Protein backbone atom coordinates (compact mmCIF):
# COMPACT_ATOMS: atom_id res chain seq x y z
CA UNK A 1 -29.89 -5.45 -51.79
CA UNK A 2 -27.28 -5.83 -49.08
CA UNK A 3 -27.60 -8.49 -46.42
CA UNK A 4 -26.42 -8.62 -42.82
CA UNK A 5 -25.06 -11.83 -41.32
CA UNK A 6 -24.97 -12.35 -37.58
CA UNK A 7 -22.44 -14.52 -35.78
CA UNK A 8 -22.02 -15.53 -32.15
CA UNK A 9 -19.90 -12.95 -30.32
CA UNK A 10 -16.54 -14.19 -29.10
CA UNK A 11 -14.77 -11.95 -26.55
CA UNK A 12 -11.42 -10.78 -27.82
CA UNK A 13 -9.76 -10.42 -24.42
CA UNK A 14 -8.89 -6.77 -25.14
CA UNK A 15 -6.28 -7.86 -27.67
CA UNK A 16 -4.41 -9.98 -25.12
CA UNK A 17 -2.98 -13.34 -26.04
CA UNK A 18 -4.26 -16.51 -24.39
CA UNK A 19 -1.09 -16.59 -22.28
CA UNK A 20 -1.67 -13.03 -21.01
CA UNK A 21 -5.30 -13.76 -20.17
CA UNK A 22 -4.38 -16.94 -18.30
CA UNK A 23 -1.52 -15.15 -16.55
CA UNK A 24 -3.94 -12.55 -15.13
CA UNK A 25 -6.15 -15.30 -13.71
CA UNK A 26 -3.14 -17.25 -12.40
CA UNK A 27 -1.82 -14.20 -10.53
CA UNK A 28 -5.21 -13.65 -8.90
CA UNK A 29 -5.37 -17.30 -7.84
CA UNK A 30 -1.90 -17.12 -6.28
CA UNK A 31 -3.16 -14.47 -3.86
CA UNK A 32 -5.95 -16.79 -2.70
CA UNK A 33 -3.69 -19.85 -2.44
CA UNK A 34 -1.06 -17.97 -0.41
CA UNK A 35 1.52 -18.32 -3.19
CA UNK A 36 1.03 -22.07 -3.64
CA UNK A 37 1.71 -22.50 -7.38
CA UNK A 38 0.55 -26.13 -7.50
CA UNK A 39 -2.81 -25.35 -5.92
CA UNK A 40 -3.29 -22.29 -8.15
CA UNK A 41 -2.63 -24.41 -11.26
CA UNK A 42 -5.13 -27.01 -10.02
CA UNK A 43 -7.77 -24.29 -9.63
CA UNK A 44 -6.90 -22.94 -13.08
CA UNK A 45 -7.33 -26.41 -14.58
CA UNK A 46 -10.77 -26.65 -13.00
CA UNK A 47 -11.72 -23.22 -14.35
CA UNK A 48 -10.48 -24.33 -17.77
CA UNK A 49 -12.65 -27.43 -17.58
CA UNK A 50 -15.75 -25.39 -16.72
CA UNK A 51 -15.25 -22.30 -18.87
CA UNK A 52 -12.96 -23.51 -21.69
CA UNK A 53 -10.21 -20.97 -21.17
CA UNK A 54 -7.89 -22.81 -23.54
CA UNK A 55 -8.35 -24.37 -26.99
CA UNK A 56 -6.78 -26.91 -29.34
CA UNK A 57 -4.08 -24.43 -30.39
CA UNK A 58 -3.06 -23.47 -26.85
CA UNK A 59 -3.56 -25.77 -23.87
CA UNK A 60 -2.71 -25.71 -20.17
CA UNK A 61 0.54 -27.58 -20.84
CA UNK A 62 1.58 -24.79 -23.20
CA UNK A 63 0.73 -22.23 -20.52
CA UNK A 64 2.86 -23.99 -17.91
CA UNK A 65 5.77 -24.20 -20.36
CA UNK A 66 5.43 -20.47 -21.09
CA UNK A 67 5.36 -19.68 -17.36
CA UNK A 68 8.69 -21.44 -16.99
CA UNK A 69 10.18 -19.91 -20.16
CA UNK A 70 9.21 -16.40 -19.08
CA UNK A 71 10.62 -16.76 -15.58
CA UNK A 72 7.34 -16.92 -13.63
CA UNK A 73 7.63 -20.52 -12.46
CA UNK A 74 10.35 -22.89 -11.28
CA UNK A 75 9.99 -26.68 -11.29
CA UNK A 76 11.85 -28.90 -8.86
CA UNK A 77 13.63 -31.53 -11.03
CA UNK A 78 13.44 -34.11 -8.22
CA UNK A 79 9.77 -34.10 -7.23
CA UNK A 80 8.26 -31.93 -9.98
CA UNK A 81 6.95 -29.40 -7.46
CA UNK A 82 6.21 -25.92 -8.83
CA UNK A 83 7.28 -22.72 -7.10
CA UNK A 84 6.74 -19.10 -8.11
CA UNK A 85 9.74 -16.84 -8.70
CA UNK A 86 10.60 -13.29 -7.65
CA UNK A 87 9.24 -12.11 -10.99
CA UNK A 88 5.86 -13.61 -10.09
CA UNK A 89 5.92 -11.95 -6.67
CA UNK A 90 6.53 -8.55 -8.27
CA UNK A 91 3.84 -9.18 -10.89
CA UNK A 92 1.29 -9.96 -8.16
CA UNK A 93 2.12 -6.64 -6.49
CA UNK A 94 1.73 -4.78 -9.79
CA UNK A 95 -1.58 -6.51 -10.52
CA UNK A 96 -2.83 -5.59 -7.04
CA UNK A 97 -1.83 -1.97 -7.56
CA UNK A 98 -3.58 -1.80 -10.94
CA UNK A 99 -6.69 -3.45 -9.53
CA UNK A 100 -6.98 -1.19 -6.49
CA UNK A 101 -5.46 2.11 -7.56
CA UNK A 102 -5.09 2.11 -11.33
CA UNK A 103 -1.89 2.41 -13.31
CA UNK A 104 0.69 4.88 -11.96
CA UNK A 105 3.94 6.19 -13.31
CA UNK A 106 7.14 6.50 -11.33
CA UNK A 107 7.64 10.06 -10.12
CA UNK A 108 10.32 12.14 -8.48
CA UNK A 109 11.50 11.43 -4.91
CA UNK A 110 9.31 12.65 -2.09
CA UNK A 111 6.12 13.95 -3.68
CA UNK A 112 3.99 14.17 -0.52
CA UNK A 113 3.13 17.84 -1.10
CA UNK A 114 2.77 20.13 1.90
CA UNK A 115 1.64 23.73 2.27
CA UNK A 116 5.22 24.93 2.79
CA UNK A 117 7.64 26.33 0.21
CA UNK A 118 11.04 24.73 0.04
CA UNK A 119 13.53 22.81 -2.05
CA UNK A 120 10.97 20.55 -3.63
CA UNK A 121 10.14 19.20 -7.05
CA UNK A 122 6.99 21.12 -7.97
CA UNK A 123 7.39 24.78 -9.08
CA UNK A 124 4.57 27.14 -8.17
CA UNK A 125 3.54 30.66 -9.22
CA UNK A 126 5.29 32.50 -6.39
CA UNK A 127 8.43 34.58 -7.02
CA UNK A 128 10.81 36.28 -4.57
CA UNK A 129 14.14 38.14 -4.69
CA UNK A 130 17.36 36.13 -4.84
CA UNK A 131 18.98 35.31 -1.49
CA UNK A 132 22.45 34.00 -0.74
CA UNK A 133 22.35 30.20 -0.83
CA UNK A 134 19.66 29.87 -3.51
CA UNK A 135 20.43 27.33 -6.23
CA UNK A 136 21.03 28.56 -9.80
CA UNK A 137 18.31 26.30 -11.22
CA UNK A 138 15.74 28.17 -9.13
CA UNK A 139 16.35 31.47 -10.96
CA UNK A 140 13.54 32.53 -13.26
CA UNK A 141 15.48 34.37 -15.95
CA UNK A 142 12.41 35.70 -17.72
CA UNK A 143 11.16 37.43 -14.59
CA UNK A 144 14.71 38.47 -13.70
CA UNK A 145 15.20 40.23 -17.08
CA UNK A 146 11.82 41.92 -16.70
CA UNK A 147 12.80 43.11 -13.21
CA UNK A 148 16.14 44.42 -14.56
CA UNK A 149 14.31 46.44 -17.22
CA UNK A 150 12.09 47.96 -14.55
CA UNK A 151 15.05 48.78 -12.30
CA UNK A 152 17.54 50.06 -14.90
CA UNK A 153 15.53 50.87 -18.01
CA UNK A 154 15.83 49.45 -21.51
CA UNK A 155 18.52 51.86 -22.76
CA UNK A 156 20.99 51.09 -19.99
CA UNK A 157 20.11 47.45 -19.49
CA UNK A 158 22.16 45.42 -16.98
CA UNK A 159 21.43 42.40 -14.83
CA UNK A 160 22.52 42.65 -11.20
CA UNK A 161 22.07 40.39 -8.22
CA UNK A 162 19.23 42.55 -6.93
CA UNK A 163 17.30 41.89 -10.15
CA UNK A 164 17.31 38.11 -9.87
CA UNK A 165 13.96 36.46 -9.15
CA UNK A 166 13.63 33.01 -7.59
CA UNK A 167 10.92 30.58 -8.63
CA UNK A 168 9.42 29.08 -5.48
CA UNK A 169 8.80 25.34 -5.27
CA UNK A 170 6.46 23.26 -3.19
CA UNK A 171 8.31 21.36 -0.53
CA UNK A 172 7.92 17.61 -1.08
CA UNK A 173 8.43 15.62 2.08
CA UNK A 174 9.12 11.96 2.76
CA UNK A 175 7.14 9.59 4.94
CA UNK A 176 7.85 6.40 6.86
CA UNK A 177 4.87 4.08 7.05
CA UNK A 178 4.28 0.90 9.02
CA UNK A 179 1.41 -1.24 7.81
CA UNK A 180 0.06 -3.56 10.52
CA UNK A 181 -1.96 -6.60 9.39
CA UNK A 182 -4.06 -8.69 11.75
CA UNK A 183 -3.45 -12.41 11.06
CA UNK A 184 -5.53 -13.76 13.95
CA UNK A 185 -7.94 -16.62 13.32
CA UNK A 186 -10.92 -14.25 13.14
CA UNK A 187 -9.67 -13.01 9.75
CA UNK A 188 -11.16 -16.15 8.17
CA UNK A 189 -14.04 -16.83 10.54
CA UNK A 190 -17.75 -16.91 9.66
CA UNK A 191 -17.09 -17.92 6.06
CA UNK A 192 -15.59 -14.56 5.11
CA UNK A 193 -12.07 -14.21 3.72
CA UNK A 194 -10.64 -10.97 5.12
CA UNK A 195 -6.95 -11.78 4.83
CA UNK A 196 -6.87 -11.81 1.01
CA UNK A 197 -8.12 -8.21 0.61
CA UNK A 198 -5.68 -7.16 3.34
CA UNK A 199 -2.81 -8.83 1.46
CA UNK A 200 -3.84 -7.22 -1.81
CA UNK A 201 -3.85 -3.80 -0.20
CA UNK A 202 -0.43 -4.41 1.37
CA UNK A 203 1.03 -5.56 -1.96
CA UNK A 204 -0.49 -2.63 -3.81
CA UNK A 205 0.72 -0.14 -1.19
CA UNK A 206 4.26 -1.57 -1.34
CA UNK A 207 4.26 -1.28 -5.14
CA UNK A 208 2.90 2.27 -4.94
CA UNK A 209 5.64 3.40 -2.55
CA UNK A 210 8.50 1.72 -4.42
CA UNK A 211 7.39 3.17 -7.78
CA UNK A 212 5.90 6.57 -6.96
CA UNK A 213 7.58 7.45 -3.65
CA UNK A 214 11.04 5.84 -3.86
CA UNK A 215 12.41 7.86 -0.92
CA UNK A 216 9.59 6.74 1.38
CA UNK A 217 9.87 3.65 3.56
CA UNK A 218 7.28 0.95 4.15
CA UNK A 219 7.57 -1.70 6.84
CA UNK A 220 5.01 -4.46 7.25
CA UNK A 221 4.16 -5.90 10.65
CA UNK A 222 1.85 -8.86 11.18
CA UNK A 223 0.34 -9.60 14.58
CA UNK A 224 -1.41 -12.55 16.19
CA UNK A 225 -0.34 -13.83 19.61
CA UNK A 226 2.97 -12.05 18.88
CA UNK A 227 4.12 -9.54 16.26
CA UNK A 228 6.93 -9.73 13.74
CA UNK A 229 8.12 -7.99 10.59
CA UNK A 230 7.88 -9.53 7.15
CA UNK A 231 9.46 -8.58 3.85
CA UNK A 232 7.46 -7.28 0.92
CA UNK A 233 8.33 -10.42 -1.05
CA UNK A 234 6.67 -12.54 1.67
CA UNK A 235 3.23 -10.95 1.24
CA UNK A 236 1.78 -13.45 -1.29
CA UNK A 237 2.51 -16.29 1.16
CA UNK A 238 0.93 -14.63 4.20
CA UNK A 239 -1.61 -16.80 6.05
CA UNK A 240 -3.70 -16.49 9.20
CA UNK A 241 -2.93 -18.75 12.12
CA UNK A 242 -4.64 -20.10 15.24
CA UNK A 243 -3.88 -16.82 16.99
CA UNK A 244 -5.55 -14.35 19.28
CA UNK A 245 -5.17 -10.61 18.59
CA UNK A 246 -2.19 -9.04 20.36
CA UNK A 247 -2.62 -5.49 19.10
CA UNK A 248 -0.24 -4.23 21.78
CA UNK A 249 2.65 -6.32 20.44
CA UNK A 250 1.98 -5.00 16.93
CA UNK A 251 1.93 -1.37 18.05
CA UNK A 252 5.09 -1.77 20.14
CA UNK A 253 6.98 -3.26 17.21
CA UNK A 254 5.68 -0.58 14.83
CA UNK A 255 6.78 2.18 17.22
CA UNK A 256 10.20 0.59 17.61
CA UNK A 257 10.63 0.48 13.82
CA UNK A 258 9.59 4.11 13.39
CA UNK A 259 11.96 5.28 16.14
CA UNK A 260 14.83 4.08 13.95
CA UNK A 261 13.56 5.93 10.85
CA UNK A 262 15.14 9.31 10.15
CA UNK A 263 12.09 10.82 8.43
CA UNK A 264 10.21 13.39 10.45
CA UNK A 265 6.86 12.22 9.05
CA UNK A 266 5.79 8.86 10.41
CA UNK A 267 2.50 7.01 10.43
CA UNK A 268 0.91 3.66 11.21
CA UNK A 269 -1.83 1.98 9.16
CA UNK A 270 -3.56 -0.86 11.02
CA UNK A 271 -5.90 -3.35 9.31
CA UNK A 272 -7.88 -5.44 11.77
CA UNK A 273 -11.30 -7.04 12.04
CA UNK A 274 -11.43 -7.89 15.71
CA UNK A 275 -10.94 -6.63 19.21
CA UNK A 276 -7.61 -6.94 21.05
CA UNK A 277 -7.77 -10.18 23.01
CA UNK A 278 -4.20 -10.96 24.01
CA UNK A 279 -1.18 -9.63 25.92
CA UNK A 280 2.22 -11.13 26.57
CA UNK A 281 3.24 -10.57 30.17
CA UNK A 282 6.70 -11.89 30.89
CA UNK A 283 6.80 -15.27 29.22
CA UNK A 284 3.08 -15.96 29.47
CA UNK A 285 0.09 -14.99 27.34
CA UNK A 286 -2.90 -13.29 28.90
CA UNK A 287 -5.96 -14.07 26.73
CA UNK A 288 -9.64 -13.20 26.88
CA UNK A 289 -11.86 -13.52 23.81
CA UNK A 290 -15.09 -12.58 25.60
CA UNK A 291 -15.98 -8.91 25.24
CA UNK A 292 -13.48 -6.10 25.76
CA UNK A 293 -11.03 -6.84 28.54
CA UNK A 294 -10.02 -3.54 30.18
CA UNK A 295 -6.59 -4.94 31.03
CA UNK A 296 -5.92 -5.40 27.32
CA UNK A 297 -7.80 -2.31 26.14
CA UNK A 298 -6.01 0.03 28.57
CA UNK A 299 -2.61 -1.07 27.23
CA UNK A 300 -3.80 -0.28 23.71
CA UNK A 301 -5.07 3.15 24.76
CA UNK A 302 -1.78 3.91 26.54
CA UNK A 303 0.18 3.09 23.37
CA UNK A 304 -2.14 5.31 21.34
CA UNK A 305 -1.30 8.16 23.72
CA UNK A 306 2.43 7.43 23.43
CA UNK A 307 2.20 7.54 19.63
CA UNK A 308 0.48 10.91 19.89
CA UNK A 309 3.40 12.28 21.94
CA UNK A 310 5.81 10.94 19.34
CA UNK A 311 3.69 12.57 16.58
CA UNK A 312 2.87 9.21 15.01
CA UNK A 313 -0.75 9.21 13.81
CA UNK A 314 -2.49 5.85 13.67
CA UNK A 315 -5.10 5.18 11.00
CA UNK A 316 -7.26 2.19 11.85
CA UNK A 317 -9.10 0.30 9.12
CA UNK A 318 -11.70 -1.73 10.97
CA UNK A 319 -13.33 -4.56 9.03
CA UNK A 320 -16.14 -4.98 11.54
CA UNK A 321 -19.47 -3.35 12.37
CA UNK A 322 -20.12 -4.41 15.98
CA UNK A 323 -21.15 -1.32 18.03
CA UNK A 324 -18.93 -2.17 21.02
CA UNK A 325 -15.91 -2.60 18.71
CA UNK A 326 -16.67 0.73 17.05
CA UNK A 327 -16.77 2.28 20.52
CA UNK A 328 -13.30 0.89 21.29
CA UNK A 329 -11.90 2.17 17.99
CA UNK A 330 -13.42 5.58 18.64
CA UNK A 331 -11.75 5.78 22.07
CA UNK A 332 -8.46 4.55 20.62
CA UNK A 333 -8.61 7.08 17.76
CA UNK A 334 -9.55 10.05 19.96
CA UNK A 335 -6.63 9.27 22.28
CA UNK A 336 -4.19 9.23 19.38
CA UNK A 337 -5.98 12.00 17.44
CA UNK A 338 -5.62 9.79 14.41
CA UNK A 339 -8.22 8.52 11.97
CA UNK A 340 -10.57 5.58 11.74
CA UNK A 341 -12.37 3.98 8.80
CA UNK A 342 -14.98 1.28 9.12
CA UNK A 343 -14.41 -0.26 5.72
CA UNK A 344 -16.10 -3.06 3.87
CA UNK A 345 -13.76 -5.53 2.19
CA UNK A 346 -14.41 -4.19 -1.30
CA UNK A 347 -13.73 -0.58 -0.22
CA UNK A 348 -10.66 -1.25 1.94
CA UNK A 349 -8.13 -0.45 -0.78
CA UNK A 350 -9.72 2.83 -1.86
CA UNK A 351 -9.91 4.02 1.75
CA UNK A 352 -6.23 3.32 2.41
CA UNK A 353 -4.94 4.85 -0.81
CA UNK A 354 -7.12 7.93 -0.54
CA UNK A 355 -5.80 8.48 2.96
CA UNK A 356 -2.18 7.79 2.01
CA UNK A 357 -2.33 10.16 -0.96
CA UNK A 358 -4.21 13.05 0.62
CA UNK A 359 -2.60 13.16 4.05
CA UNK A 360 -5.60 15.10 5.34
CA UNK A 361 -6.14 15.25 9.08
CA UNK A 362 -9.72 14.20 9.61
CA UNK A 363 -11.53 11.37 11.30
CA UNK A 364 -14.26 9.47 9.53
CA UNK A 365 -16.68 7.33 11.56
């Protein structure tokens, strides 16, 4: 008689080593600590104390040594301060992309498919006669030989220019995108962290564009009382400040950036959770946090109209549910003929990527 013995189940970690499991947690913590390696390690130590992430064979000291050996962490020899490296910054972007959009493979340049035929990367089922200027690689020799047999017969077979058939391809265009991120104080008000999901989306979007759309451009603009550009590598360290929301400054900077881009297709993605409350007039700030100030709102609406004339659609991702704010976003979106999404924090990434990938012209309220 056979017997069955039961043991306590121990998760295997999907075949990952202890280092790989701890690395995943460490990268997540770095996003919440704004790239502060020391604070992230302190949090990890506390998690280890509570949940026993390490064991006698592999401890936190071993993990820190492996971080340094593998190029994820630098230690200041003078004060012992830890700092993440460029490899860590790229890993955080990759982890964000995998978390929000799944694993993607690098593809050919362009790849934003349109409904037009052209010199693209994706062949389709359409065929047409050869024209002067067509590239040799576009010739479909199978169809060309078949056409020659129809035109000249099998017995007197010959292949002439009139017999050549061209394989049509879908035109793959390029896009210049500016991602605007609100870093005003309201992004961490009321006990809700809105800046971390926004950073994750920005890091994932940057990784998506650099791997899947290498000919596209992505610029990142942050706005509070003022607006300024940041580099992709700066995203993990992004923090909110004691700022009001100068949406006008952000839009003006985004438009200025896109004017200098040579791509015909341009767009602005704006992540914000609050109403515009600030303008800079001359050297002074005009601020009003109570309700919707028409002086501020009208400047925003005027810029939306200017973007429409420049054929720059604005997609607004509003992390708020107040009716009067929704009304402002609706007016702003209708003026620009862009799109608006009222997204919860957990759905923000899927909304942005679905919109970026599809390129469909529709407004969702």
